[in-house]
Amino acid sequence: MRHSKRAPDISDILPSVRARGVLVPLLIRPNGTPDSFEIVAGRRRYFAAKTVADERGEAEPLPCAIMEEGDDADALEASLIENIARLDPDEVSQWETFARLIKEGRGIADIAATFGLTEPQVKRILALGDLLPKIREAYRREEIDTETVRHLTMASKAQQKDWLALFCDPDSRAPRDWQLKQWLFGGQSISTKVALLPIEDYPGLIVSDLFGEDSYFADADLFWQKQNEAIAAKRDAYIEAGWPEVVALEPGQYPFVGLRKDAEEEGRQGDHHRLAARRGGMS
């Protein structure tokens, strides 16, 4: 993305971008190569988003509209602003709008382009359809926070009903945030990122959250069964490759290497160094 060297003043829009992200897409056009673009409109939004990304250590995808030859930048931007202004501010109302458009035959890419959103943002809104209606309505009324809703999208309908019963009971306390994730997975929320087994061959259920960023094994016992089988297969492969010994540690065990400083040990180290030198291993 090309822009001039001097950064613009973004002090007036930075608080909004911190709180809500970039809502109005940047207008960009190709600049020489297929992967190179330059900003036609939205330079300040770009720098505000870059500042927020630097502060948080991670960057969110920016909504962009790619101009075709002959497009009028002012007209395109005005059209996008009008569509976004018509979009309801709360996510449940957005879900109702997007779900209606899907039923009318509109695709996710088309909806994203119409409202100046990224396709993952549209998919995230549509995922609210996996929630029970009463949970969606509580989210609309801001009685449930986004993090809790994110975890509830990983819950089965039975789990959602159990959670809703706790939520509606004045004498109970429904788990939220990270406690909800522990509640859903029985205390073991095992991410697919730590798996040694081939995910595509896993026979059990894998659940993903609302944002599609994280996925977890629904059955911890089945995961450990398959994980241990994968570990055993790797151990056997190392043995067949000529390794003299391969030890698979139990969960919670860590390798420990003790260093002896007595004269006998130092002598053996010296013999090892001399042997390495004779073989050309040391200079």
C-alpha atoms as a PDB file:
ATOM      1  CA  MET A   1       0.000   0.000   0.000  1.00  0.00           C
ATOM      2  CA  ARG A   2       1.584   3.277  -1.089  1.00  0.00           C
ATOM      3  CA  HIS A   3       1.220   6.589   0.684  1.00  0.00           C
ATOM      4  CA  SER A   4       3.258   9.729   1.166  1.00  0.00           C
ATOM      5  CA  LYS A   5       5.977   9.769   3.796  1.00  0.00           C
ATOM      6  CA  ARG A   6       4.379  12.309   6.124  1.00  0.00           C
ATOM      7  CA  ALA A   7       1.633  10.845   8.334  1.00  0.00           C
ATOM      8  CA  PRO A   8      -1.593  12.879   8.548  1.00  0.00           C
ATOM      9  CA  ASP A   9      -3.211  14.218  11.722  1.00  0.00           C
ATOM     10  CA  ILE A  10      -5.477  11.454  13.049  1.00  0.00           C
ATOM     11  CA  SER A  11      -6.133  12.777  16.569  1.00  0.00           C
ATOM     12  CA  ASP A  12      -9.829  13.386  15.896  1.00  0.00           C
ATOM     13  CA  ILE A  13     -10.661   9.907  14.524  1.00  0.00           C
ATOM     14  CA  LEU A  14      -8.246   7.798  16.588  1.00  0.00           C
ATOM     15  CA  PRO A  15     -10.576   7.351  19.614  1.00  0.00           C
ATOM     16  CA  SER A  16     -13.370   6.081  17.328  1.00  0.00           C
ATOM     17  CA  VAL A  17     -11.050   3.668  15.511  1.00  0.00           C
ATOM     18  CA  ARG A  18      -9.777   2.373  18.862  1.00  0.00           C
ATOM     19  CA  ALA A  19     -13.335   1.720  20.036  1.00  0.00           C
ATOM     20  CA  ARG A  20     -15.067   0.509  16.876  1.00  0.00           C
ATOM     21  CA  GLY A  21     -12.433  -0.113  14.240  1.00  0.00           C
ATOM     22  CA  VAL A  22     -12.560   1.259  10.688  1.00  0.00           C
ATOM     23  CA  LEU A  23     -16.185   1.318   9.523  1.00  0.00           C
ATOM     24  CA  VAL A  24     -15.941   3.143   6.201  1.00  0.00           C
ATOM     25  CA  PRO A  25     -13.813   1.194   3.698  1.00  0.00           C
ATOM     26  CA  LEU A  26     -10.688   2.590   2.149  1.00  0.00           C
ATOM     27  CA  LEU A  27     -10.874   3.189  -1.583  1.00  0.00           C
ATOM     28  CA  ILE A  28      -7.845   1.652  -3.272  1.00  0.00           C
ATOM     29  CA  ARG A  29      -6.734   0.931  -6.829  1.00  0.00           C
ATOM     30  CA  PRO A  30      -4.109  -1.345  -8.378  1.00  0.00           C
ATOM     31  CA  ASN A  31      -0.649   0.102  -8.602  1.00  0.00           C
ATOM     32  CA  GLY A  32       1.489  -1.776 -11.072  1.00  0.00           C
ATOM     33  CA  THR A  33       1.447  -5.338  -9.690  1.00  0.00           C
ATOM     34  CA  PRO A  34      -1.413  -7.647  -8.661  1.00  0.00           C
ATOM     35  CA  ASP A  35      -0.516  -7.384  -4.961  1.00  0.00           C
ATOM     36  CA  SER A  36       0.233  -3.658  -4.906  1.00  0.00           C
ATOM     37  CA  PHE A  37      -2.398  -0.984  -4.264  1.00  0.00           C
ATOM     38  CA  GLU A  38      -2.467   2.706  -3.481  1.00  0.00           C
ATOM     39  CA  ILE A  39      -4.973   4.556  -1.317  1.00  0.00           C
ATOM     40  CA  VAL A  40      -7.320   6.863  -3.195  1.00  0.00           C
ATOM     41  CA  ALA A  41      -9.520   7.786  -0.224  1.00  0.00           C
ATOM     42  CA  GLY A  42      -9.191   6.863   3.443  1.00  0.00           C
ATOM     43  CA  ARG A  43      -5.548   7.632   4.134  1.00  0.00           C
ATOM     44  CA  ARG A  44      -6.292   8.945   7.640  1.00  0.00           C
ATOM     45  CA  ARG A  45      -8.329   5.825   8.433  1.00  0.00           C
ATOM     46  CA  TYR A  46      -5.362   3.725   7.315  1.00  0.00           C
ATOM     47  CA  PHE A  47      -2.923   5.553   9.620  1.00  0.00           C
ATOM     48  CA  ALA A  48      -5.386   5.439  12.537  1.00  0.00           C
ATOM     49  CA  ALA A  49      -5.777   1.665  12.086  1.00  0.00           C
ATOM     50  CA  LYS A  50      -1.991   1.287  11.856  1.00  0.00           C
ATOM     51  CA  THR A  51      -1.568   3.211  15.120  1.00  0.00           C
ATOM     52  CA  VAL A  52      -4.092   0.963  16.884  1.00  0.00           C
ATOM     53  CA  ALA A  53      -2.374  -2.150  15.477  1.00  0.00           C
ATOM     54  CA  ASP A  54       0.988  -0.917  16.803  1.00  0.00           C
ATOM     55  CA  GLU A  55      -0.559  -0.294  20.230  1.00  0.00           C
ATOM     56  CA  ARG A  56      -2.152  -3.736  20.459  1.00  0.00           C
ATOM     57  CA  GLY A  57       0.537  -5.735  18.726  1.00  0.00           C
ATOM     58  CA  GLU A  58      -1.896  -7.195  16.194  1.00  0.00           C
ATOM     59  CA  ALA A  59      -3.665  -5.891  13.114  1.00  0.00           C
ATOM     60  CA  GLU A  60      -7.281  -6.348  12.066  1.00  0.00           C
ATOM     61  CA  PRO A  61      -8.076  -6.661   8.339  1.00  0.00           C
ATOM     62  CA  LEU A  62      -9.154  -3.334   6.887  1.00  0.00           C
ATOM     63  CA  PRO A  63     -12.303  -3.081   4.766  1.00  0.00           C
ATOM     64  CA  CYS A  64     -11.342  -1.912   1.283  1.00  0.00           C
ATOM     65  CA  ALA A  65     -13.171  -1.230  -1.963  1.00  0.00           C
ATOM     66  CA  ILE A  66     -11.058  -1.757  -5.083  1.00  0.00           C
ATOM     67  CA  MET A  67     -11.738   0.818  -7.783  1.00  0.00           C
ATOM     68  CA  GLU A  68     -12.016  -0.194 -11.402  1.00  0.00           C
ATOM     69  CA  GLU A  69     -10.806   1.961 -14.253  1.00  0.00           C
ATOM     70  CA  GLY A  70     -13.245   4.816 -14.793  1.00  0.00           C
ATOM     71  CA  ASP A  71     -14.748   4.666 -11.287  1.00  0.00           C
ATOM     72  CA  ASP A  72     -15.448   7.963  -9.563  1.00  0.00           C
ATOM     73  CA  ALA A  73     -13.862   7.947  -6.103  1.00  0.00           C
ATOM     74  CA  ASP A  74     -16.226  10.500  -4.544  1.00  0.00           C
ATOM     75  CA  ALA A  75     -19.319   8.671  -5.787  1.00  0.00           C
ATOM     76  CA  LEU A  76     -18.050   5.300  -4.554  1.00  0.00           C
ATOM     77  CA  GLU A  77     -17.195   6.597  -1.121  1.00  0.00           C
ATOM     78  CA  ALA A  78     -20.536   8.392  -0.799  1.00  0.00           C
ATOM     79  CA  SER A  79     -22.357   5.177  -1.728  1.00  0.00           C
ATOM     80  CA  LEU A  80     -20.432   3.142   0.866  1.00  0.00           C
ATOM     81  CA  ILE A  81     -21.054   5.733   3.589  1.00  0.00           C
ATOM     82  CA  GLU A  82     -24.781   5.706   2.775  1.00  0.00           C
ATOM     83  CA  ASN A  83     -24.983   1.893   2.995  1.00  0.00           C
ATOM     84  CA  ILE A  84     -23.112   1.802   6.298  1.00  0.00           C
ATOM     85  CA  ALA A  85     -25.322   4.547   7.720  1.00  0.00           C
ATOM     86  CA  ARG A  86     -28.372   2.406   6.870  1.00  0.00           C
ATOM     87  CA  LEU A  87     -26.900  -0.627   8.633  1.00  0.00           C
ATOM     88  CA  ASP A  88     -28.227  -1.131  12.165  1.00  0.00           C
ATOM     89  CA  PRO A  89     -25.619  -0.477  14.849  1.00  0.00           C
ATOM     90  CA  ASP A  90     -26.179  -3.624  16.938  1.00  0.00           C
ATOM     91  CA  GLU A  91     -24.917  -6.959  15.673  1.00  0.00           C
ATOM     92  CA  VAL A  92     -28.181  -8.836  16.185  1.00  0.00           C
ATOM     93  CA  SER A  93     -30.010  -6.411  13.906  1.00  0.00           C
ATOM     94  CA  GLN A  94     -27.181  -6.777  11.413  1.00  0.00           C
ATOM     95  CA  TRP A  95     -27.653 -10.558  11.592  1.00  0.00           C
ATOM     96  CA  GLU A  96     -31.349 -10.151  10.806  1.00  0.00           C
ATOM     97  CA  THR A  97     -30.456  -8.002   7.777  1.00  0.00           C
ATOM     98  CA  PHE A  98     -27.751 -10.356   6.496  1.00  0.00           C
ATOM     99  CA  ALA A  99     -29.873 -13.473   7.085  1.00  0.00           C
ATOM    100  CA  ARG A 100     -32.681 -11.932   5.039  1.00  0.00           C
ATOM    101  CA  LEU A 101     -30.258 -11.099   2.218  1.00  0.00           C
ATOM    102  CA  ILE A 102     -28.898 -14.674   2.263  1.00  0.00           C
ATOM    103  CA  LYS A 103     -32.453 -16.012   1.895  1.00  0.00           C
ATOM    104  CA  GLU A 104     -32.887 -13.684  -1.083  1.00  0.00           C
ATOM    105  CA  GLY A 105     -29.885 -15.291  -2.756  1.00  0.00           C
ATOM    106  CA  ARG A 106     -27.163 -12.775  -1.937  1.00  0.00           C
ATOM    107  CA  GLY A 107     -23.698 -14.218  -1.254  1.00  0.00           C
ATOM    108  CA  ILE A 108     -21.319 -13.357   1.567  1.00  0.00           C
ATOM    109  CA  ALA A 109     -18.910 -11.572  -0.786  1.00  0.00           C
ATOM    110  CA  ASP A 110     -21.775  -9.500  -2.194  1.00  0.00           C
ATOM    111  CA  ILE A 111     -23.012  -8.510   1.280  1.00  0.00           C
ATOM    112  CA  ALA A 112     -19.472  -7.584   2.339  1.00  0.00           C
ATOM    113  CA  ALA A 113     -19.008  -5.366  -0.723  1.00  0.00           C
ATOM    114  CA  THR A 114     -22.399  -3.688  -0.246  1.00  0.00           C
ATOM    115  CA  PHE A 115     -21.766  -2.670   3.347  1.00  0.00           C
ATOM    116  CA  GLY A 116     -18.024  -2.162   3.124  1.00  0.00           C
ATOM    117  CA  LEU A 117     -17.187  -5.065   5.426  1.00  0.00           C
ATOM    118  CA  THR A 118     -14.708  -7.909   5.139  1.00  0.00           C
ATOM    119  CA  GLU A 119     -16.054 -11.393   4.453  1.00  0.00           C
ATOM    120  CA  PRO A 120     -14.902 -12.660   7.912  1.00  0.00           C
ATOM    121  CA  GLN A 121     -16.889  -9.824   9.505  1.00  0.00           C
ATOM    122  CA  VAL A 122     -20.034 -10.905   7.641  1.00  0.00           C
ATOM    123  CA  LYS A 123     -19.475 -14.563   8.576  1.00  0.00           C
ATOM    124  CA  ARG A 124     -19.054 -13.571  12.213  1.00  0.00           C
ATOM    125  CA  ILE A 125     -22.392 -11.746  12.205  1.00  0.00           C
ATOM    126  CA  LEU A 126     -24.122 -14.659  10.464  1.00  0.00           C
ATOM    127  CA  ALA A 127     -22.760 -17.036  13.127  1.00  0.00           C
ATOM    128  CA  LEU A 128     -25.130 -15.388  15.614  1.00  0.00           C
ATOM    129  CA  GLY A 129     -27.782 -17.537  13.968  1.00  0.00           C
ATOM    130  CA  ASP A 130     -26.317 -20.511  15.865  1.00  0.00           C
ATOM    131  CA  LEU A 131     -27.471 -19.000  19.165  1.00  0.00           C
ATOM    132  CA  LEU A 132     -30.834 -19.554  20.826  1.00  0.00           C
ATOM    133  CA  PRO A 133     -33.190 -16.612  20.206  1.00  0.00           C
ATOM    134  CA  LYS A 134     -33.305 -15.676  23.902  1.00  0.00           C
ATOM    135  CA  ILE A 135     -29.499 -15.485  24.009  1.00  0.00           C
ATOM    136  CA  ARG A 136     -29.461 -13.289  20.899  1.00  0.00           C
ATOM    137  CA  GLU A 137     -32.016 -10.961  22.454  1.00  0.00           C
ATOM    138  CA  ALA A 138     -29.985 -10.711  25.679  1.00  0.00           C
ATOM    139  CA  TYR A 139     -26.959  -9.833  23.549  1.00  0.00           C
ATOM    140  CA  ARG A 140     -28.998  -7.166  21.731  1.00  0.00           C
ATOM    141  CA  ARG A 141     -29.924  -5.649  25.110  1.00  0.00           C
ATOM    142  CA  GLU A 142     -26.207  -5.719  26.063  1.00  0.00           C
ATOM    143  CA  GLU A 143     -26.900  -8.049  28.980  1.00  0.00           C
ATOM    144  CA  ILE A 144     -24.240 -10.388  27.582  1.00  0.00           C
ATOM    145  CA  ASP A 145     -20.796  -9.200  26.478  1.00  0.00           C
ATOM    146  CA  THR A 146     -19.106 -10.078  23.194  1.00  0.00           C
ATOM    147  CA  GLU A 147     -16.575 -12.473  24.750  1.00  0.00           C
ATOM    148  CA  THR A 148     -19.336 -14.508  26.384  1.00  0.00           C
ATOM    149  CA  VAL A 149     -21.294 -14.662  23.117  1.00  0.00           C
ATOM    150  CA  ARG A 150     -18.134 -15.757  21.331  1.00  0.00           C
ATOM    151  CA  HIS A 151     -17.824 -18.758  23.637  1.00  0.00           C
ATOM    152  CA  LEU A 152     -21.555 -19.542  23.476  1.00  0.00           C
ATOM    153  CA  THR A 153     -21.305 -20.006  19.716  1.00  0.00           C
ATOM    154  CA  MET A 154     -19.158 -23.064  20.496  1.00  0.00           C
ATOM    155  CA  ALA A 155     -21.864 -24.551  22.711  1.00  0.00           C
ATOM    156  CA  SER A 156     -24.346 -27.200  21.628  1.00  0.00           C
ATOM    157  CA  LYS A 157     -28.045 -26.332  21.805  1.00  0.00           C
ATOM    158  CA  ALA A 158     -28.307 -28.415  24.997  1.00  0.00           C
ATOM    159  CA  GLN A 159     -25.417 -26.511  26.578  1.00  0.00           C
ATOM    160  CA  GLN A 160     -26.963 -23.204  25.529  1.00  0.00           C
ATOM    161  CA  LYS A 161     -30.240 -24.211  27.218  1.00  0.00           C
ATOM    162  CA  ASP A 162     -28.389 -25.154  30.428  1.00  0.00           C
ATOM    163  CA  TRP A 163     -26.471 -21.877  30.385  1.00  0.00           C
ATOM    164  CA  LEU A 164     -29.649 -19.880  29.705  1.00  0.00           C
ATOM    165  CA  ALA A 165     -31.349 -21.516  32.679  1.00  0.00           C
ATOM    166  CA  LEU A 166     -28.496 -20.343  34.916  1.00  0.00           C
ATOM    167  CA  PHE A 167     -28.581 -16.888  33.311  1.00  0.00           C
ATOM    168  CA  CYS A 168     -32.322 -16.496  33.941  1.00  0.00           C
ATOM    169  CA  ASP A 169     -32.203 -17.851  37.510  1.00  0.00           C
ATOM    170  CA  PRO A 170     -31.733 -14.950  39.972  1.00  0.00           C
ATOM    171  CA  ASP A 171     -30.242 -17.337  42.526  1.00  0.00           C
ATOM    172  CA  SER A 172     -27.602 -18.713  40.134  1.00  0.00           C
ATOM    173  CA  ARG A 173     -24.584 -17.254  38.426  1.00  0.00           C
ATOM    174  CA  ALA A 174     -24.032 -18.163  34.791  1.00  0.00           C
ATOM    175  CA  PRO A 175     -20.345 -18.527  33.860  1.00  0.00           C
ATOM    176  CA  ARG A 176     -18.942 -15.877  31.535  1.00  0.00           C
ATOM    177  CA  ASP A 177     -15.751 -15.114  29.605  1.00  0.00           C
ATOM    178  CA  TRP A 178     -12.946 -17.635  30.263  1.00  0.00           C
ATOM    179  CA  GLN A 179     -14.978 -19.365  32.998  1.00  0.00           C
ATOM    180  CA  LEU A 180     -17.634 -20.139  30.393  1.00  0.00           C
ATOM    181  CA  LYS A 181     -15.050 -21.788  28.152  1.00  0.00           C
ATOM    182  CA  GLN A 182     -13.919 -23.984  31.042  1.00  0.00           C
ATOM    183  CA  TRP A 183     -17.568 -24.801  31.797  1.00  0.00           C
ATOM    184  CA  LEU A 184     -18.260 -25.814  28.200  1.00  0.00           C
ATOM    185  CA  PHE A 185     -15.278 -28.158  27.962  1.00  0.00           C
ATOM    186  CA  GLY A 186     -15.394 -29.630  31.465  1.00  0.00           C
ATOM    187  CA  GLY A 187     -12.253 -27.788  32.564  1.00  0.00           C
ATOM    188  CA  GLN A 188     -10.168 -28.883  29.559  1.00  0.00           C
ATOM    189  CA  SER A 189     -10.335 -26.523  26.606  1.00  0.00           C
ATOM    190  CA  ILE A 190      -7.769 -28.102  24.284  1.00  0.00           C
ATOM    191  CA  SER A 191      -6.916 -25.984  21.262  1.00  0.00           C
ATOM    192  CA  THR A 192      -6.311 -27.637  17.902  1.00  0.00           C
ATOM    193  CA  LYS A 193      -3.060 -25.632  17.766  1.00  0.00           C
ATOM    194  CA  VAL A 194      -1.403 -28.086  20.191  1.00  0.00           C
ATOM    195  CA  ALA A 195      -2.388 -31.251  18.324  1.00  0.00           C
ATOM    196  CA  LEU A 196       0.272 -33.589  16.949  1.00  0.00           C
ATOM    197  CA  LEU A 197      -2.364 -35.758  15.306  1.00  0.00           C
ATOM    198  CA  PRO A 198      -3.584 -35.010  11.763  1.00  0.00           C
ATOM    199  CA  ILE A 199      -6.636 -32.787  12.251  1.00  0.00           C
ATOM    200  CA  GLU A 200      -8.225 -34.009   9.025  1.00  0.00           C
ATOM    201  CA  ASP A 201      -8.249 -37.601  10.379  1.00  0.00           C
ATOM    202  CA  TYR A 202      -9.697 -36.745  13.799  1.00  0.00           C
ATOM    203  CA  PRO A 203     -13.005 -38.651  14.216  1.00  0.00           C
ATOM    204  CA  GLY A 204     -14.473 -36.457  16.961  1.00  0.00           C
ATOM    205  CA  LEU A 205     -16.148 -33.064  17.059  1.00  0.00           C
ATOM    206  CA  ILE A 206     -14.118 -29.870  16.699  1.00  0.00           C
ATOM    207  CA  VAL A 207     -15.879 -26.625  17.584  1.00  0.00           C
ATOM    208  CA  SER A 208     -14.959 -23.110  16.438  1.00  0.00           C
ATOM    209  CA  ASP A 209     -15.834 -19.797  18.020  1.00  0.00           C
ATOM    210  CA  LEU A 210     -17.832 -16.931  16.571  1.00  0.00           C
ATOM    211  CA  PHE A 211     -14.788 -15.251  15.097  1.00  0.00           C
ATOM    212  CA  GLY A 212     -13.437 -18.415  13.527  1.00  0.00           C
ATOM    213  CA  GLU A 213     -10.061 -17.697  15.146  1.00  0.00           C
ATOM    214  CA  ASP A 214      -9.923 -20.560  17.632  1.00  0.00           C
ATOM    215  CA  SER A 215     -11.092 -24.149  17.508  1.00  0.00           C
ATOM    216  CA  TYR A 216     -11.158 -26.772  20.237  1.00  0.00           C
ATOM    217  CA  PHE A 217     -11.617 -30.518  20.704  1.00  0.00           C
ATOM    218  CA  ALA A 218     -15.059 -31.149  22.182  1.00  0.00           C
ATOM    219  CA  ASP A 219     -14.092 -34.526  23.732  1.00  0.00           C
ATOM    220  CA  ALA A 220     -10.917 -34.298  25.820  1.00  0.00           C
ATOM    221  CA  ASP A 221     -10.701 -38.080  26.401  1.00  0.00           C
ATOM    222  CA  LEU A 222     -10.913 -38.845  22.684  1.00  0.00           C
ATOM    223  CA  PHE A 223      -8.332 -36.154  21.954  1.00  0.00           C
ATOM    224  CA  TRP A 224      -5.810 -37.652  24.384  1.00  0.00           C
ATOM    225  CA  GLN A 225      -6.424 -41.127  22.962  1.00  0.00           C
ATOM    226  CA  LYS A 226      -5.644 -39.950  19.432  1.00  0.00           C
ATOM    227  CA  GLN A 227      -2.846 -37.641  20.585  1.00  0.00           C
ATOM    228  CA  ASN A 228      -1.099 -40.499  22.396  1.00  0.00           C
ATOM    229  CA  GLU A 229      -1.467 -42.695  19.318  1.00  0.00           C
ATOM    230  CA  ALA A 230       0.195 -39.941  17.257  1.00  0.00           C
ATOM    231  CA  ILE A 231       3.006 -39.635  19.823  1.00  0.00           C
ATOM    232  CA  ALA A 232       3.570 -43.409  19.777  1.00  0.00           C
ATOM    233  CA  ALA A 233       3.705 -43.379  15.969  1.00  0.00           C
ATOM    234  CA  LYS A 234       6.305 -40.601  16.014  1.00  0.00           C
ATOM    235  CA  ARG A 235       8.360 -42.516  18.583  1.00  0.00           C
ATOM    236  CA  ASP A 236       8.308 -45.648  16.393  1.00  0.00           C
ATOM    237  CA  ALA A 237       9.301 -43.583  13.354  1.00  0.00           C
ATOM    238  CA  TYR A 238      12.352 -42.214  15.185  1.00  0.00           C
ATOM    239  CA  ILE A 239      13.363 -45.732  16.280  1.00  0.00           C
ATOM    240  CA  GLU A 240      13.061 -47.002  12.713  1.00  0.00           C
ATOM    241  CA  ALA A 241      15.164 -44.053  11.572  1.00  0.00           C
ATOM    242  CA  GLY A 242      18.036 -45.317  13.745  1.00  0.00           C
ATOM    243  CA  TRP A 243      17.634 -43.384  16.987  1.00  0.00           C
ATOM    244  CA  PRO A 244      18.987 -45.576  19.822  1.00  0.00           C
ATOM    245  CA  GLU A 245      16.345 -44.493  22.348  1.00  0.00           C
ATOM    246  CA  VAL A 246      13.247 -42.302  22.304  1.00  0.00           C
ATOM    247  CA  VAL A 247      11.382 -41.557  25.533  1.00  0.00           C
ATOM    248  CA  ALA A 248       7.838 -40.195  25.473  1.00  0.00           C
ATOM    249  CA  LEU A 249       7.240 -38.169  28.625  1.00  0.00           C
ATOM    250  CA  GLU A 250       3.960 -38.180  30.470  1.00  0.00           C
ATOM    251  CA  PRO A 251       2.011 -34.885  30.680  1.00  0.00           C
ATOM    252  CA  GLY A 252       3.649 -32.680  33.308  1.00  0.00           C
ATOM    253  CA  GLN A 253       7.061 -34.344  33.025  1.00  0.00           C
ATOM    254  CA  TYR A 254      10.030 -32.354  31.770  1.00  0.00           C
ATOM    255  CA  PRO A 255      13.459 -33.496  30.632  1.00  0.00           C
ATOM    256  CA  PHE A 256      16.259 -32.828  33.144  1.00  0.00           C
ATOM    257  CA  VAL A 257      19.928 -32.781  32.304  1.00  0.00           C
ATOM    258  CA  GLY A 258      22.337 -32.785  35.229  1.00  0.00           C
ATOM    259  CA  LEU A 259      25.826 -31.352  34.855  1.00  0.00           C
ATOM    260  CA  ARG A 260      28.671 -32.896  36.889  1.00  0.00           C
ATOM    261  CA  LYS A 261      31.638 -30.721  37.650  1.00  0.00           C
ATOM    262  CA  ASP A 262      33.966 -33.310  39.138  1.00  0.00           C
ATOM    263  CA  ALA A 263      37.354 -34.120  37.615  1.00  0.00           C
ATOM    264  CA  GLU A 264      36.154 -37.400  36.138  1.00  0.00           C
ATOM    265  CA  GLU A 265      33.361 -35.688  34.208  1.00  0.00           C
ATOM    266  CA  GLU A 266      35.685 -32.917  33.034  1.00  0.00           C
ATOM    267  CA  GLY A 267      38.126 -35.573  31.884  1.00  0.00           C
ATOM    268  CA  ARG A 268      35.452 -37.275  29.814  1.00  0.00           C
ATOM    269  CA  GLN A 269      34.503 -33.917  28.326  1.00  0.00           C
ATOM    270  CA  GLY A 270      38.159 -33.414  27.392  1.00  0.00           C
ATOM    271  CA  ASP A 271      38.279 -36.883  25.770  1.00  0.00           C
ATOM    272  CA  HIS A 272      35.130 -36.027  23.823  1.00  0.00           C
ATOM    273  CA  HIS A 273      36.633 -32.738  22.607  1.00  0.00           C
ATOM    274  CA  ARG A 274      39.840 -34.461  21.531  1.00  0.00           C
ATOM    275  CA  LEU A 275      37.865 -37.132  19.676  1.00  0.00           C
ATOM    276  CA  ALA A 276      35.806 -34.456  17.942  1.00  0.00           C
ATOM    277  CA  ALA A 277      38.960 -32.607  16.968  1.00  0.00           C
ATOM    278  CA  ARG A 278      40.465 -35.761  15.428  1.00  0.00           C
ATOM    279  CA  ARG A 279      37.273 -36.223  13.403  1.00  0.00           C
ATOM    280  CA  GLY A 280      37.317 -32.628  12.256  1.00  0.00           C
ATOM    281  CA  GLY A 281      34.417 -31.607  14.459  1.00  0.00           C
ATOM    282  CA  MET A 282      36.286 -28.808  16.282  1.00  0.00           C
ATOM    283  CA  SER A 283      38.771 -26.197  15.208  1.00  0.00           C
END
